[in-house]
Structures are given as C-alpha cells and as structure tokens.
Amino acid sequence: MSVSRILNYALYLYVLLYALIYFFFILFINVVHASISIMSISALLLPFVLLLFFQWISWKYTDSHNKRKIKIRCIAISSIGFLLLLYCVVILGVNEYESRFTTERWLNDYEGRVYLVDDFLNEHELIGKTKEEVITLLGSPTETEYFKEKDDVVYYLGAERGIISIDSEWLVIWFDGNEQAVKFELRTD
C-alpha cells in the first residue's frame, strides 16, 4: 500500500473524528452554557488546525496526476470543518451575550438568572449595598422557605448548571442591623 493511500485513509479517519469532536463541543457548549474565553477558542481551534495540517500532509505526498482531485476534496473538507468551527464560535458568542446582567433580563428571565448571576457578581460590588439598592437591582426576593433567615434575602436562579441538573441554584444575601449586605452565597437545594 502506498504512502499516499495510507495518508488518505488517515485523513478520512481524522475527518470522522473531527466531526465527532465538534458534535461533542456543540453539546458541551449548550449544556454548560460556555462563553468566549481564550481556553474555549483555543480548544475549538486545535482540531481545525490539525485538520488543515493533515490535509497539507496528504497533499504533499499525493501523486501529481491526482492533485486536482485532492485539491477539490481539501477545499470541501476545509469548508465544512470551518463551518463547524464557526458554528461553535457563534454559540459561544450567543451564550456570552445571554450571560450579560441587566435588571430587565434578571426580572424577565426567571429560569435564566443562573447564567446572569456570575456577571452580576463580577460587575456589582454586593457587599456594602443597602437592602433597598439590592432590591432595586434584583427586584423583590423570591418567596421561599429555602435558606430563609431573619436577616437575609433569597433569589431563585434556576436549574443547577451542569450536565445533570437535579437541584436549583439560589443567591442568598445576608444583611447587618443597618440593612447593608455583609455576605452572599450561591447555594443549591
């Protein structure tokens, strides 16, 4: 068997593996609601760069009379591979956008708060805010007995993040005697 034929089989095997990798990327991005980061973009780019590398190797060791056929195949495979990469990046971008905290989103997306809370905690210094300021930002606390104490407020965030969502997540904020926030925690029930 020639080197060219072995490389073609290896390329086809990698194309199949590539499709499976991106299928799992898409599933993972949707399940954990991942957003754009250096790590996520790097993880998405690596299989695509390897795809281009394997195609280059296959091209390099192909007989000169088969170059045209290989060129068309490489363009088709690269295009499909790039579309899968682009689709994943778009999903990451949408997740990033949907995770940006605004009071309007918080009040209107009761189940989606679980994705907004991290941005809220990063953008707003909660410790030291008055109870009134917290209620202005987050609306009325959730009426629940979960985690309820005399000096705290509780906000329902939605189903627990992760692959298997059994519990719910909650934001619990404690206040001192002057009704200023002194502590907060994200909890699951």
C-alpha atoms as a PDB file:
ATOM      1  CA  MET A   1       0.000   0.000   0.000  1.00  0.00           C
ATOM      2  CA  SER A   2       1.387   3.392  -0.963  1.00  0.00           C
ATOM      3  CA  VAL A   3       2.103   6.237   1.440  1.00  0.00           C
ATOM      4  CA  SER A   4      -0.431   8.368  -0.406  1.00  0.00           C
ATOM      5  CA  ARG A   5      -3.202   5.823   0.142  1.00  0.00           C
ATOM      6  CA  ILE A   6      -2.347   5.404   3.842  1.00  0.00           C
ATOM      7  CA  LEU A   7      -2.402   9.194   4.311  1.00  0.00           C
ATOM      8  CA  ASN A   8      -5.785   9.398   2.581  1.00  0.00           C
ATOM      9  CA  TYR A   9      -7.225   6.770   4.927  1.00  0.00           C
ATOM     10  CA  ALA A  10      -5.726   8.594   7.903  1.00  0.00           C
ATOM     11  CA  LEU A  11      -7.258  11.846   6.678  1.00  0.00           C
ATOM     12  CA  TYR A  12     -10.695  10.262   6.286  1.00  0.00           C
ATOM     13  CA  LEU A  13     -10.413   8.793   9.767  1.00  0.00           C
ATOM     14  CA  TYR A  14      -9.472  12.205  11.164  1.00  0.00           C
ATOM     15  CA  VAL A  15     -12.387  13.861   9.330  1.00  0.00           C
ATOM     16  CA  LEU A  16     -14.736  11.429  11.069  1.00  0.00           C
ATOM     17  CA  LEU A  17     -13.040  12.093  14.406  1.00  0.00           C
ATOM     18  CA  TYR A  18     -13.216  15.854  13.696  1.00  0.00           C
ATOM     19  CA  ALA A  19     -16.988  15.667  13.170  1.00  0.00           C
ATOM     20  CA  LEU A  20     -17.401  13.745  16.447  1.00  0.00           C
ATOM     21  CA  ILE A  21     -15.206  16.241  18.325  1.00  0.00           C
ATOM     22  CA  TYR A  22     -17.313  19.160  17.130  1.00  0.00           C
ATOM     23  CA  PHE A  23     -20.525  17.289  17.886  1.00  0.00           C
ATOM     24  CA  PHE A  24     -19.313  16.961  21.499  1.00  0.00           C
ATOM     25  CA  PHE A  25     -18.149  20.599  21.526  1.00  0.00           C
ATOM     26  CA  ILE A  26     -21.621  21.734  20.471  1.00  0.00           C
ATOM     27  CA  LEU A  27     -23.256  19.516  23.083  1.00  0.00           C
ATOM     28  CA  PHE A  28     -20.860  20.689  25.811  1.00  0.00           C
ATOM     29  CA  ILE A  29     -21.240  24.388  24.933  1.00  0.00           C
ATOM     30  CA  ASN A  30     -25.027  24.116  25.100  1.00  0.00           C
ATOM     31  CA  VAL A  31     -25.159  22.060  28.292  1.00  0.00           C
ATOM     32  CA  VAL A  32     -22.758  24.125  30.400  1.00  0.00           C
ATOM     33  CA  HIS A  33     -23.633  27.418  28.681  1.00  0.00           C
ATOM     34  CA  ALA A  34     -19.946  28.093  27.979  1.00  0.00           C
ATOM     35  CA  SER A  35     -18.927  31.508  26.713  1.00  0.00           C
ATOM     36  CA  ILE A  36     -15.996  33.035  24.872  1.00  0.00           C
ATOM     37  CA  SER A  37     -12.621  32.740  26.560  1.00  0.00           C
ATOM     38  CA  ILE A  38      -9.050  32.100  25.496  1.00  0.00           C
ATOM     39  CA  MET A  39      -9.417  28.483  26.610  1.00  0.00           C
ATOM     40  CA  SER A  40     -12.661  27.847  24.709  1.00  0.00           C
ATOM     41  CA  ILE A  41     -11.387  29.421  21.484  1.00  0.00           C
ATOM     42  CA  SER A  42      -8.088  27.503  21.766  1.00  0.00           C
ATOM     43  CA  ALA A  43      -9.950  24.239  22.276  1.00  0.00           C
ATOM     44  CA  LEU A  44     -12.066  24.937  19.196  1.00  0.00           C
ATOM     45  CA  LEU A  45      -9.114  25.946  17.002  1.00  0.00           C
ATOM     46  CA  LEU A  46      -6.843  22.994  17.764  1.00  0.00           C
ATOM     47  CA  PRO A  47      -8.845  20.314  15.870  1.00  0.00           C
ATOM     48  CA  PHE A  48      -9.278  22.687  12.915  1.00  0.00           C
ATOM     49  CA  VAL A  49      -5.535  23.409  12.724  1.00  0.00           C
ATOM     50  CA  LEU A  50      -4.864  19.654  12.864  1.00  0.00           C
ATOM     51  CA  LEU A  51      -7.381  19.144  10.056  1.00  0.00           C
ATOM     52  CA  LEU A  52      -5.533  21.656   7.895  1.00  0.00           C
ATOM     53  CA  PHE A  53      -2.204  20.035   8.790  1.00  0.00           C
ATOM     54  CA  PHE A  54      -3.408  16.527   7.843  1.00  0.00           C
ATOM     55  CA  GLN A  55      -4.729  17.856   4.550  1.00  0.00           C
ATOM     56  CA  TRP A  56      -1.415  19.548   3.818  1.00  0.00           C
ATOM     57  CA  ILE A  57       0.464  16.297   4.514  1.00  0.00           C
ATOM     58  CA  SER A  58      -1.966  14.393   2.287  1.00  0.00           C
ATOM     59  CA  TRP A  59      -1.498  16.986  -0.471  1.00  0.00           C
ATOM     60  CA  LYS A  60       2.276  16.890  -0.175  1.00  0.00           C
ATOM     61  CA  TYR A  61       2.506  13.114  -0.639  1.00  0.00           C
ATOM     62  CA  THR A  62      -0.116  12.814  -3.389  1.00  0.00           C
ATOM     63  CA  ASP A  63       0.900  11.882  -6.911  1.00  0.00           C
ATOM     64  CA  SER A  64       0.998  14.869  -9.273  1.00  0.00           C
ATOM     65  CA  HIS A  65      -1.777  13.451 -11.523  1.00  0.00           C
ATOM     66  CA  ASN A  66      -4.218  13.318  -8.544  1.00  0.00           C
ATOM     67  CA  LYS A  67      -3.526  16.846  -7.240  1.00  0.00           C
ATOM     68  CA  ARG A  68      -6.660  18.399  -8.809  1.00  0.00           C
ATOM     69  CA  LYS A  69      -8.984  15.821  -7.246  1.00  0.00           C
ATOM     70  CA  ILE A  70      -7.235  16.191  -3.871  1.00  0.00           C
ATOM     71  CA  LYS A  71      -7.453  19.994  -4.088  1.00  0.00           C
ATOM     72  CA  ILE A  72     -11.245  19.867  -4.539  1.00  0.00           C
ATOM     73  CA  ARG A  73     -11.538  17.389  -1.660  1.00  0.00           C
ATOM     74  CA  CYS A  74      -9.379  19.589   0.599  1.00  0.00           C
ATOM     75  CA  ILE A  75     -11.451  22.673  -0.176  1.00  0.00           C
ATOM     76  CA  ALA A  76     -14.683  20.804   0.609  1.00  0.00           C
ATOM     77  CA  ILE A  77     -13.367  19.288   3.853  1.00  0.00           C
ATOM     78  CA  SER A  78     -11.857  22.603   4.974  1.00  0.00           C
ATOM     79  CA  SER A  79     -15.093  24.454   4.239  1.00  0.00           C
ATOM     80  CA  ILE A  80     -17.210  22.025   6.230  1.00  0.00           C
ATOM     81  CA  GLY A  81     -14.643  22.000   9.027  1.00  0.00           C
ATOM     82  CA  PHE A  82     -14.605  25.793   9.115  1.00  0.00           C
ATOM     83  CA  LEU A  83     -18.419  25.927   9.225  1.00  0.00           C
ATOM     84  CA  LEU A  84     -18.432  23.629  12.281  1.00  0.00           C
ATOM     85  CA  LEU A  85     -15.799  25.829  13.941  1.00  0.00           C
ATOM     86  CA  LEU A  86     -17.749  28.981  13.092  1.00  0.00           C
ATOM     87  CA  TYR A  87     -20.985  27.477  14.428  1.00  0.00           C
ATOM     88  CA  CYS A  88     -19.313  26.726  17.764  1.00  0.00           C
ATOM     89  CA  VAL A  89     -17.892  30.254  17.987  1.00  0.00           C
ATOM     90  CA  VAL A  90     -21.344  31.709  17.268  1.00  0.00           C
ATOM     91  CA  ILE A  91     -22.886  29.587  20.052  1.00  0.00           C
ATOM     92  CA  LEU A  92     -20.173  30.813  22.442  1.00  0.00           C
ATOM     93  CA  GLY A  93     -20.923  34.397  21.436  1.00  0.00           C
ATOM     94  CA  VAL A  94     -24.657  33.953  21.948  1.00  0.00           C
ATOM     95  CA  ASN A  95     -24.013  32.429  25.375  1.00  0.00           C
ATOM     96  CA  GLU A  96     -21.721  35.355  26.215  1.00  0.00           C
ATOM     97  CA  TYR A  97     -24.426  37.830  25.212  1.00  0.00           C
ATOM     98  CA  GLU A  98     -27.138  35.962  27.128  1.00  0.00           C
ATOM     99  CA  SER A  99     -24.954  35.934  30.251  1.00  0.00           C
ATOM    100  CA  ARG A 100     -24.673  39.736  30.487  1.00  0.00           C
ATOM    101  CA  PHE A 101     -26.570  41.041  33.521  1.00  0.00           C
ATOM    102  CA  THR A 102     -29.217  43.710  33.169  1.00  0.00           C
ATOM    103  CA  THR A 103     -32.003  44.318  35.652  1.00  0.00           C
ATOM    104  CA  GLU A 104     -34.543  43.872  32.851  1.00  0.00           C
ATOM    105  CA  ARG A 105     -33.150  40.450  31.900  1.00  0.00           C
ATOM    106  CA  TRP A 106     -32.988  39.420  35.555  1.00  0.00           C
ATOM    107  CA  LEU A 107     -36.624  40.340  36.124  1.00  0.00           C
ATOM    108  CA  ASN A 108     -37.906  38.783  32.880  1.00  0.00           C
ATOM    109  CA  ASP A 109     -35.895  35.559  32.708  1.00  0.00           C
ATOM    110  CA  TYR A 110     -36.664  33.764  35.960  1.00  0.00           C
ATOM    111  CA  GLU A 111     -35.032  30.478  34.886  1.00  0.00           C
ATOM    112  CA  GLY A 112     -32.095  32.154  33.103  1.00  0.00           C
ATOM    113  CA  ARG A 113     -30.851  34.004  36.182  1.00  0.00           C
ATOM    114  CA  VAL A 114     -28.409  31.173  36.782  1.00  0.00           C
ATOM    115  CA  TYR A 115     -26.432  32.429  33.765  1.00  0.00           C
ATOM    116  CA  LEU A 116     -26.735  36.117  34.723  1.00  0.00           C
ATOM    117  CA  VAL A 117     -25.620  35.826  38.344  1.00  0.00           C
ATOM    118  CA  ASP A 118     -21.880  35.494  37.647  1.00  0.00           C
ATOM    119  CA  ASP A 119     -21.830  38.663  35.551  1.00  0.00           C
ATOM    120  CA  PHE A 120     -23.915  40.426  38.209  1.00  0.00           C
ATOM    121  CA  LEU A 121     -21.493  39.464  40.975  1.00  0.00           C
ATOM    122  CA  ASN A 122     -18.490  40.490  38.845  1.00  0.00           C
ATOM    123  CA  GLU A 123     -19.941  43.851  37.841  1.00  0.00           C
ATOM    124  CA  HIS A 124     -21.660  44.914  41.075  1.00  0.00           C
ATOM    125  CA  GLU A 125     -19.961  45.030  44.466  1.00  0.00           C
ATOM    126  CA  LEU A 126     -22.683  43.456  46.561  1.00  0.00           C
ATOM    127  CA  ILE A 127     -21.012  43.813  49.966  1.00  0.00           C
ATOM    128  CA  GLY A 128     -21.925  47.195  51.423  1.00  0.00           C
ATOM    129  CA  LYS A 129     -25.032  47.743  49.284  1.00  0.00           C
ATOM    130  CA  THR A 130     -28.188  48.522  51.178  1.00  0.00           C
ATOM    131  CA  LYS A 131     -31.168  46.211  51.046  1.00  0.00           C
ATOM    132  CA  GLU A 132     -33.008  48.863  49.049  1.00  0.00           C
ATOM    133  CA  GLU A 133     -30.189  49.038  46.466  1.00  0.00           C
ATOM    134  CA  VAL A 134     -30.201  45.259  46.127  1.00  0.00           C
ATOM    135  CA  ILE A 135     -33.968  45.187  45.620  1.00  0.00           C
ATOM    136  CA  THR A 136     -33.667  47.989  43.052  1.00  0.00           C
ATOM    137  CA  LEU A 137     -31.151  45.891  41.083  1.00  0.00           C
ATOM    138  CA  LEU A 138     -32.702  42.439  41.536  1.00  0.00           C
ATOM    139  CA  GLY A 139     -36.372  43.082  42.250  1.00  0.00           C
ATOM    140  CA  SER A 140     -38.327  41.541  45.083  1.00  0.00           C
ATOM    141  CA  PRO A 141     -36.779  38.462  46.705  1.00  0.00           C
ATOM    142  CA  THR A 142     -38.229  35.051  45.981  1.00  0.00           C
ATOM    143  CA  GLU A 143     -40.933  33.977  48.420  1.00  0.00           C
ATOM    144  CA  THR A 144     -39.494  30.735  49.735  1.00  0.00           C
ATOM    145  CA  GLU A 145     -38.523  28.990  52.920  1.00  0.00           C
ATOM    146  CA  TYR A 146     -35.273  27.707  51.425  1.00  0.00           C
ATOM    147  CA  PHE A 147     -32.285  29.213  53.247  1.00  0.00           C
ATOM    148  CA  LYS A 148     -34.547  31.821  54.858  1.00  0.00           C
ATOM    149  CA  GLU A 149     -33.221  33.508  57.987  1.00  0.00           C
ATOM    150  CA  LYS A 150     -34.316  36.730  59.658  1.00  0.00           C
ATOM    151  CA  ASP A 151     -31.527  38.854  58.163  1.00  0.00           C
ATOM    152  CA  ASP A 152     -31.271  37.554  54.579  1.00  0.00           C
ATOM    153  CA  VAL A 153     -32.998  37.654  51.220  1.00  0.00           C
ATOM    154  CA  VAL A 154     -33.127  34.759  48.766  1.00  0.00           C
ATOM    155  CA  TYR A 155     -33.350  34.838  44.961  1.00  0.00           C
ATOM    156  CA  TYR A 156     -34.187  31.820  42.839  1.00  0.00           C
ATOM    157  CA  LEU A 157     -31.700  31.495  39.964  1.00  0.00           C
ATOM    158  CA  GLY A 158     -32.982  28.493  38.025  1.00  0.00           C
ATOM    159  CA  ALA A 159     -31.965  24.903  37.459  1.00  0.00           C
ATOM    160  CA  GLU A 160     -28.470  23.969  38.613  1.00  0.00           C
ATOM    161  CA  ARG A 161     -25.760  24.435  35.983  1.00  0.00           C
ATOM    162  CA  GLY A 162     -24.091  21.332  34.664  1.00  0.00           C
ATOM    163  CA  ILE A 163     -24.767  18.229  32.692  1.00  0.00           C
ATOM    164  CA  ILE A 164     -27.213  16.752  35.194  1.00  0.00           C
ATOM    165  CA  SER A 165     -29.451  19.439  36.705  1.00  0.00           C
ATOM    166  CA  ILE A 166     -31.158  17.881  39.700  1.00  0.00           C
ATOM    167  CA  ASP A 167     -31.264  20.833  42.078  1.00  0.00           C
ATOM    168  CA  SER A 168     -31.934  24.549  41.825  1.00  0.00           C
ATOM    169  CA  GLU A 169     -29.456  27.350  42.422  1.00  0.00           C
ATOM    170  CA  TRP A 170     -30.157  30.248  44.758  1.00  0.00           C
ATOM    171  CA  LEU A 171     -28.492  33.548  45.641  1.00  0.00           C
ATOM    172  CA  VAL A 172     -28.606  34.232  49.389  1.00  0.00           C
ATOM    173  CA  ILE A 173     -27.640  37.702  50.647  1.00  0.00           C
ATOM    174  CA  TRP A 174     -27.221  38.498  54.353  1.00  0.00           C
ATOM    175  CA  PHE A 175     -27.634  41.980  55.827  1.00  0.00           C
ATOM    176  CA  ASP A 176     -26.460  43.518  59.088  1.00  0.00           C
ATOM    177  CA  GLY A 177     -28.541  45.636  61.524  1.00  0.00           C
ATOM    178  CA  ASN A 178     -28.114  48.687  59.242  1.00  0.00           C
ATOM    179  CA  GLU A 179     -29.540  46.710  56.287  1.00  0.00           C
ATOM    180  CA  GLN A 180     -26.223  46.629  54.438  1.00  0.00           C
ATOM    181  CA  ALA A 181     -25.110  43.471  52.656  1.00  0.00           C
ATOM    182  CA  VAL A 182     -22.345  41.728  54.598  1.00  0.00           C
ATOM    183  CA  LYS A 183     -22.203  38.328  52.896  1.00  0.00           C
ATOM    184  CA  PHE A 184     -23.616  36.406  49.969  1.00  0.00           C
ATOM    185  CA  GLU A 185     -23.501  32.811  48.715  1.00  0.00           C
ATOM    186  CA  LEU A 186     -24.643  30.795  45.761  1.00  0.00           C
ATOM    187  CA  ARG A 187     -26.348  27.663  47.042  1.00  0.00           C
ATOM    188  CA  THR A 188     -28.138  24.631  45.710  1.00  0.00           C
ATOM    189  CA  ASP A 189     -31.132  22.970  47.317  1.00  0.00           C
END
